[in-house]
Protein backbone atom coordinates (compact mmCIF):
# COMPACT_ATOMS: atom_id res chain seq x y z
CA UNK A 1 0.00 0.00 0.00
CA UNK A 2 1.46 3.37 -0.93
CA UNK A 3 1.03 6.64 0.96
CA UNK A 4 -1.78 7.92 -1.29
CA UNK A 5 -3.86 4.78 -0.70
CA UNK A 6 -3.41 5.00 3.07
CA UNK A 7 -4.51 8.66 3.08
CA UNK A 8 -7.60 7.82 0.99
CA UNK A 9 -8.61 5.18 3.54
CA UNK A 10 -7.99 7.40 6.57
CA UNK A 11 -11.20 8.05 8.54
CA UNK A 12 -12.59 11.57 8.25
CA UNK A 13 -13.78 13.76 11.13
CA UNK A 14 -17.00 15.81 11.17
CA UNK A 15 -15.16 18.97 10.08
CA UNK A 16 -13.53 17.08 7.18
CA UNK A 17 -16.89 15.78 5.99
CA UNK A 18 -18.45 19.24 6.32
CA UNK A 19 -15.72 20.71 4.10
CA UNK A 20 -16.02 17.81 1.63
CA UNK A 21 -19.80 18.24 1.33
CA UNK A 22 -19.78 22.05 1.54
CA UNK A 23 -22.05 22.17 4.59
CA UNK A 24 -21.65 23.09 8.26
CA UNK A 25 -20.48 20.76 10.99
CA UNK A 26 -23.91 21.13 12.61
CA UNK A 27 -25.57 19.86 9.43
CA UNK A 28 -23.32 16.81 9.44
CA UNK A 29 -24.01 16.13 13.13
CA UNK A 30 -27.76 16.45 12.56
CA UNK A 31 -27.61 13.94 9.71
CA UNK A 32 -25.83 11.34 11.79
CA UNK A 33 -28.22 11.59 14.71
CA UNK A 34 -31.76 12.61 13.78
CA UNK A 35 -32.34 13.92 10.27
CA UNK A 36 -32.86 11.99 7.07
CA UNK A 37 -31.01 11.06 4.97
CA UNK A 38 -28.59 9.60 7.48
CA UNK A 39 -24.92 9.99 6.54
CA UNK A 40 -23.09 6.66 6.80
CA UNK A 41 -20.69 6.76 9.73
CA UNK A 42 -18.84 4.66 12.26
CA UNK A 43 -19.18 5.36 15.96
CA UNK A 44 -16.72 4.11 18.57
CA UNK A 45 -18.03 5.36 21.88
CA UNK A 46 -18.49 9.10 21.39
CA UNK A 47 -16.04 9.28 18.49
CA UNK A 48 -17.61 9.49 15.03
CA UNK A 49 -15.65 8.84 11.85
CA UNK A 50 -16.53 8.65 8.18
CA UNK A 51 -14.99 6.82 5.23
CA UNK A 52 -14.76 8.46 1.82
CA UNK A 53 -16.09 5.50 -0.24
CA UNK A 54 -19.24 5.46 1.92
CA UNK A 55 -19.63 9.23 1.51
CA UNK A 56 -19.26 8.91 -2.26
CA UNK A 57 -22.00 6.26 -2.32
CA UNK A 58 -24.17 8.55 -0.16
CA UNK A 59 -23.65 11.41 -2.65
CA UNK A 60 -24.40 9.15 -5.60
CA UNK A 61 -27.71 8.23 -4.01
CA UNK A 62 -28.80 11.56 -2.50
CA UNK A 63 -26.67 14.21 -4.19
CA UNK A 64 -28.21 16.68 -6.60
CA UNK A 65 -26.05 18.36 -9.21
CA UNK A 66 -26.87 21.88 -10.29
CA UNK A 67 -27.03 21.60 -14.07
CA UNK A 68 -27.22 25.40 -14.47
CA UNK A 69 -23.66 25.90 -13.20
């Protein structure tokens, strides 16, 4: 495994996901606890982490592209 592959598989934090999706950290937290659609995540105790392949699948299913841009 090279360094680029290990970085791609590194778990993301809430702030990383917020930046990746272009939303606030509060939006991300809401969508892992109570709002639909639920963002796929992994919870270990109080620690929440996300994996990029799961986020990409989430975007493929729920994402909407602005065709006007």
